[in-house]
Amino acid sequence: MATRHRKTRRLRASRCHGWGRSGQHRDSGMQGGHGNAGWKRHRWSSVIRYGWEIGKTGFTPVNPKDQNTINVGELDLGIDTLTAQGKTKQAQDRIEINLGEIGYTKLLGNGRITRPLRIIVAQCSEKAAAKISQAGGQVVLPQTAEPVKEG
């Protein structure tokens, strides 16, 4: 901005330059403090009146830590335990596991799998689907109700 257009040039000899006598455009004097100051005291009536939530702004991001994941290798190691607990079924020549009933939302592809499995899960990585299909198994997603095709 050119100096000749600035407010200070236009308001020469004005004591406050248009910012009033109390706040004077410094700090947050006439606003009740910086940021969230006063939310439990002098701004509390606004919190009640307008339903503001203290410290909540913007959107809520989707946190990948909220997903409960399991790797293919962990699943292969834990099949005997799951079978003993009665959480698997025998479907033709494969063992069928519903990971949603166990509490997992996503299947990841780390590790090795040695048995043919039929896995029902909400989400599955491409690497995990490829490993399971190479072992002679299949992954079924509930939204599609079809096996995931490799490639």
C-alpha atoms as a PDB file:
ATOM      1  CA  MET A   1       0.000   0.000   0.000  1.00  0.00           C
ATOM      2  CA  ALA A   2       1.343   3.408  -0.902  1.00  0.00           C
ATOM      3  CA  THR A   3       2.236   5.648   2.015  1.00  0.00           C
ATOM      4  CA  ARG A   4      -0.037   8.428   0.800  1.00  0.00           C
ATOM      5  CA  HIS A   5      -3.095   6.147   1.115  1.00  0.00           C
ATOM      6  CA  ARG A   6      -2.436   4.984   4.653  1.00  0.00           C
ATOM      7  CA  LYS A   7      -4.722   5.927   7.489  1.00  0.00           C
ATOM      8  CA  THR A   8      -1.892   7.586   9.385  1.00  0.00           C
ATOM      9  CA  ARG A   9      -1.340  10.088   6.557  1.00  0.00           C
ATOM     10  CA  ARG A  10      -4.995  10.990   6.306  1.00  0.00           C
ATOM     11  CA  LEU A  11      -5.444  11.422  10.035  1.00  0.00           C
ATOM     12  CA  ARG A  12      -2.458  13.656  10.811  1.00  0.00           C
ATOM     13  CA  ALA A  13      -2.916  15.596  14.055  1.00  0.00           C
ATOM     14  CA  SER A  14      -5.681  13.214  15.124  1.00  0.00           C
ATOM     15  CA  ARG A  15      -4.861  11.807  18.505  1.00  0.00           C
ATOM     16  CA  CYS A  16      -6.340   8.298  18.126  1.00  0.00           C
ATOM     17  CA  HIS A  17      -6.382   7.932  14.299  1.00  0.00           C
ATOM     18  CA  GLY A  18      -9.953   6.678  14.365  1.00  0.00           C
ATOM     19  CA  TRP A  19      -9.443   3.808  16.801  1.00  0.00           C
ATOM     20  CA  GLY A  20     -11.289   5.363  19.754  1.00  0.00           C
ATOM     21  CA  ARG A  21     -10.035   6.500  23.114  1.00  0.00           C
ATOM     22  CA  SER A  22      -9.994   3.257  25.154  1.00  0.00           C
ATOM     23  CA  GLY A  23      -8.775   0.410  22.994  1.00  0.00           C
ATOM     24  CA  GLN A  24      -6.623   2.403  20.586  1.00  0.00           C
ATOM     25  CA  HIS A  25      -6.219  -0.635  18.326  1.00  0.00           C
ATOM     26  CA  ARG A  26      -3.805  -2.285  20.711  1.00  0.00           C
ATOM     27  CA  ASP A  27      -4.054  -5.673  22.344  1.00  0.00           C
ATOM     28  CA  SER A  28      -7.658  -6.732  22.866  1.00  0.00           C
ATOM     29  CA  GLY A  29      -8.778  -4.108  25.327  1.00  0.00           C
ATOM     30  CA  MET A  30     -12.313  -3.474  24.097  1.00  0.00           C
ATOM     31  CA  GLN A  31     -12.953  -7.084  23.066  1.00  0.00           C
ATOM     32  CA  GLY A  32     -12.789  -8.748  26.471  1.00  0.00           C
ATOM     33  CA  GLY A  33      -9.368 -10.325  26.033  1.00  0.00           C
ATOM     34  CA  HIS A  34      -7.470 -12.453  23.533  1.00  0.00           C
ATOM     35  CA  GLY A  35      -8.835 -15.689  22.107  1.00  0.00           C
ATOM     36  CA  ASN A  36     -10.908 -17.752  24.513  1.00  0.00           C
ATOM     37  CA  ALA A  37     -10.465 -15.388  27.478  1.00  0.00           C
ATOM     38  CA  GLY A  38     -13.566 -14.864  29.568  1.00  0.00           C
ATOM     39  CA  TRP A  39     -15.586 -17.834  28.338  1.00  0.00           C
ATOM     40  CA  LYS A  40     -16.365 -18.844  31.895  1.00  0.00           C
ATOM     41  CA  ARG A  41     -16.899 -15.315  33.190  1.00  0.00           C
ATOM     42  CA  HIS A  42     -17.863 -12.245  31.189  1.00  0.00           C
ATOM     43  CA  ARG A  43     -18.575 -14.113  27.926  1.00  0.00           C
ATOM     44  CA  TRP A  44     -20.578 -16.882  29.595  1.00  0.00           C
ATOM     45  CA  SER A  45     -23.920 -15.285  28.697  1.00  0.00           C
ATOM     46  CA  SER A  46     -22.965 -15.534  25.012  1.00  0.00           C
ATOM     47  CA  VAL A  47     -22.037 -19.180  25.476  1.00  0.00           C
ATOM     48  CA  ILE A  48     -25.483 -19.848  26.919  1.00  0.00           C
ATOM     49  CA  ARG A  49     -27.338 -17.650  24.432  1.00  0.00           C
ATOM     50  CA  TYR A  50     -25.707 -18.865  21.227  1.00  0.00           C
ATOM     51  CA  GLY A  51     -24.729 -22.397  22.234  1.00  0.00           C
ATOM     52  CA  TRP A  52     -21.010 -21.971  21.577  1.00  0.00           C
ATOM     53  CA  GLU A  53     -18.758 -24.874  22.450  1.00  0.00           C
ATOM     54  CA  ILE A  54     -15.562 -23.838  24.147  1.00  0.00           C
ATOM     55  CA  GLY A  55     -12.511 -24.877  22.160  1.00  0.00           C
ATOM     56  CA  LYS A  56     -14.479 -26.503  19.322  1.00  0.00           C
ATOM     57  CA  THR A  57     -13.883 -24.919  15.939  1.00  0.00           C
ATOM     58  CA  GLY A  58     -13.860 -26.199  12.370  1.00  0.00           C
ATOM     59  CA  PHE A  59     -14.620 -29.702  11.198  1.00  0.00           C
ATOM     60  CA  THR A  60     -13.879 -32.998  12.905  1.00  0.00           C
ATOM     61  CA  PRO A  61     -11.191 -34.886  11.003  1.00  0.00           C
ATOM     62  CA  VAL A  62     -11.418 -38.612  10.422  1.00  0.00           C
ATOM     63  CA  ASN A  63      -8.745 -40.145  12.564  1.00  0.00           C
ATOM     64  CA  PRO A  64      -7.213 -43.348  11.178  1.00  0.00           C
ATOM     65  CA  LYS A  65      -6.341 -44.347  14.755  1.00  0.00           C
ATOM     66  CA  ASP A  66     -10.059 -44.905  15.329  1.00  0.00           C
ATOM     67  CA  GLN A  67      -9.962 -47.820  12.912  1.00  0.00           C
ATOM     68  CA  ASN A  68      -9.220 -51.170  14.467  1.00  0.00           C
ATOM     69  CA  THR A  69      -6.887 -52.925  12.028  1.00  0.00           C
ATOM     70  CA  ILE A  70      -5.288 -56.347  11.801  1.00  0.00           C
ATOM     71  CA  ASN A  71      -2.547 -57.620   9.530  1.00  0.00           C
ATOM     72  CA  VAL A  72      -2.729 -60.789   7.462  1.00  0.00           C
ATOM     73  CA  GLY A  73       0.210 -62.280   9.384  1.00  0.00           C
ATOM     74  CA  GLU A  74      -1.438 -61.694  12.765  1.00  0.00           C
ATOM     75  CA  LEU A  75      -4.647 -63.246  11.480  1.00  0.00           C
ATOM     76  CA  ASP A  76      -2.797 -66.328  10.244  1.00  0.00           C
ATOM     77  CA  LEU A  77      -1.141 -66.783  13.640  1.00  0.00           C
ATOM     78  CA  GLY A  78      -4.400 -66.311  15.557  1.00  0.00           C
ATOM     79  CA  ILE A  79      -6.675 -68.631  13.555  1.00  0.00           C
ATOM     80  CA  ASP A  80      -6.287 -71.540  15.989  1.00  0.00           C
ATOM     81  CA  THR A  81      -7.279 -69.314  18.909  1.00  0.00           C
ATOM     82  CA  LEU A  82     -10.290 -67.929  17.023  1.00  0.00           C
ATOM     83  CA  THR A  83     -11.392 -71.451  16.085  1.00  0.00           C
ATOM     84  CA  ALA A  84     -11.138 -72.552  19.719  1.00  0.00           C
ATOM     85  CA  GLN A  85     -13.317 -69.585  20.727  1.00  0.00           C
ATOM     86  CA  GLY A  86     -15.916 -70.495  18.081  1.00  0.00           C
ATOM     87  CA  LYS A  87     -15.497 -67.328  16.015  1.00  0.00           C
ATOM     88  CA  THR A  88     -14.778 -69.100  12.718  1.00  0.00           C
ATOM     89  CA  LYS A  89     -16.822 -71.334  10.412  1.00  0.00           C
ATOM     90  CA  GLN A  90     -15.862 -74.001   7.942  1.00  0.00           C
ATOM     91  CA  ALA A  91     -17.091 -73.017   4.455  1.00  0.00           C
ATOM     92  CA  GLN A  92     -16.250 -75.653   1.812  1.00  0.00           C
ATOM     93  CA  ASP A  93     -12.466 -76.002   1.850  1.00  0.00           C
ATOM     94  CA  ARG A  94     -11.851 -72.612   3.520  1.00  0.00           C
ATOM     95  CA  ILE A  95     -12.100 -71.187   7.007  1.00  0.00           C
ATOM     96  CA  GLU A  96     -14.554 -68.279   7.137  1.00  0.00           C
ATOM     97  CA  ILE A  97     -13.864 -65.382   9.487  1.00  0.00           C
ATOM     98  CA  ASN A  98     -16.070 -62.309   9.993  1.00  0.00           C
ATOM     99  CA  LEU A  99     -13.648 -59.660  11.258  1.00  0.00           C
ATOM    100  CA  GLY A 100     -16.495 -57.206  11.960  1.00  0.00           C
ATOM    101  CA  GLU A 101     -17.905 -59.515  14.632  1.00  0.00           C
ATOM    102  CA  ILE A 102     -14.481 -59.806  16.240  1.00  0.00           C
ATOM    103  CA  GLY A 103     -14.089 -56.001  16.283  1.00  0.00           C
ATOM    104  CA  TYR A 104     -11.810 -55.218  13.334  1.00  0.00           C
ATOM    105  CA  THR A 105     -12.701 -52.729  10.612  1.00  0.00           C
ATOM    106  CA  LYS A 106      -9.756 -53.045   8.226  1.00  0.00           C
ATOM    107  CA  LEU A 107      -7.454 -55.812   6.989  1.00  0.00           C
ATOM    108  CA  LEU A 108      -3.870 -54.847   6.144  1.00  0.00           C
ATOM    109  CA  GLY A 109      -1.289 -56.794   4.143  1.00  0.00           C
ATOM    110  CA  ASN A 110       1.726 -57.109   6.452  1.00  0.00           C
ATOM    111  CA  GLY A 111       2.918 -60.668   7.062  1.00  0.00           C
ATOM    112  CA  ARG A 112       2.418 -64.054   5.411  1.00  0.00           C
ATOM    113  CA  ILE A 113      -0.629 -66.275   5.107  1.00  0.00           C
ATOM    114  CA  THR A 114      -0.428 -70.027   4.704  1.00  0.00           C
ATOM    115  CA  ARG A 115      -4.058 -71.195   4.648  1.00  0.00           C
ATOM    116  CA  PRO A 116      -6.998 -70.474   2.347  1.00  0.00           C
ATOM    117  CA  LEU A 117      -9.389 -68.148   4.187  1.00  0.00           C
ATOM    118  CA  ARG A 118     -12.715 -66.490   3.386  1.00  0.00           C
ATOM    119  CA  ILE A 119     -12.645 -63.169   5.197  1.00  0.00           C
ATOM    120  CA  ILE A 120     -15.597 -60.803   5.629  1.00  0.00           C
ATOM    121  CA  VAL A 121     -14.349 -57.305   6.498  1.00  0.00           C
ATOM    122  CA  ALA A 122     -15.477 -53.681   5.978  1.00  0.00           C
ATOM    123  CA  GLN A 123     -12.208 -52.485   4.369  1.00  0.00           C
ATOM    124  CA  CYS A 124      -9.229 -54.271   2.914  1.00  0.00           C
ATOM    125  CA  SER A 125      -5.954 -53.095   1.398  1.00  0.00           C
ATOM    126  CA  GLU A 126      -4.977 -54.262  -2.089  1.00  0.00           C
ATOM    127  CA  LYS A 127      -1.865 -55.969  -0.758  1.00  0.00           C
ATOM    128  CA  ALA A 128      -3.902 -57.996   1.751  1.00  0.00           C
ATOM    129  CA  ALA A 129      -6.433 -59.016  -0.917  1.00  0.00           C
ATOM    130  CA  ALA A 130      -3.601 -60.137  -3.211  1.00  0.00           C
ATOM    131  CA  LYS A 131      -1.945 -62.235  -0.490  1.00  0.00           C
ATOM    132  CA  ILE A 132      -5.198 -63.928   0.471  1.00  0.00           C
ATOM    133  CA  SER A 133      -6.105 -64.736  -3.134  1.00  0.00           C
ATOM    134  CA  GLN A 134      -2.590 -66.176  -3.729  1.00  0.00           C
ATOM    135  CA  ALA A 135      -3.145 -68.484  -0.761  1.00  0.00           C
ATOM    136  CA  GLY A 136      -6.413 -69.690  -2.321  1.00  0.00           C
ATOM    137  CA  GLY A 137      -8.805 -67.592  -0.256  1.00  0.00           C
ATOM    138  CA  GLN A 138     -11.069 -64.610  -0.854  1.00  0.00           C
ATOM    139  CA  VAL A 139     -12.057 -61.326   0.770  1.00  0.00           C
ATOM    140  CA  VAL A 140     -15.723 -60.326   0.916  1.00  0.00           C
ATOM    141  CA  LEU A 141     -16.711 -56.709   1.536  1.00  0.00           C
ATOM    142  CA  PRO A 142     -20.236 -56.307   3.026  1.00  0.00           C
ATOM    143  CA  GLN A 143     -21.088 -53.274   0.836  1.00  0.00           C
ATOM    144  CA  THR A 144     -20.595 -55.196  -2.389  1.00  0.00           C
ATOM    145  CA  ALA A 145     -21.399 -58.679  -1.055  1.00  0.00           C
ATOM    146  CA  GLU A 146     -18.963 -59.947  -3.681  1.00  0.00           C
ATOM    147  CA  PRO A 147     -15.409 -61.219  -3.395  1.00  0.00           C
ATOM    148  CA  VAL A 148     -12.662 -58.699  -4.074  1.00  0.00           C
ATOM    149  CA  LYS A 149     -11.040 -59.327  -7.435  1.00  0.00           C
ATOM    150  CA  GLU A 150      -7.280 -59.175  -7.624  1.00  0.00           C
ATOM    151  CA  GLY A 151      -5.611 -56.675  -9.959  1.00  0.00           C
END
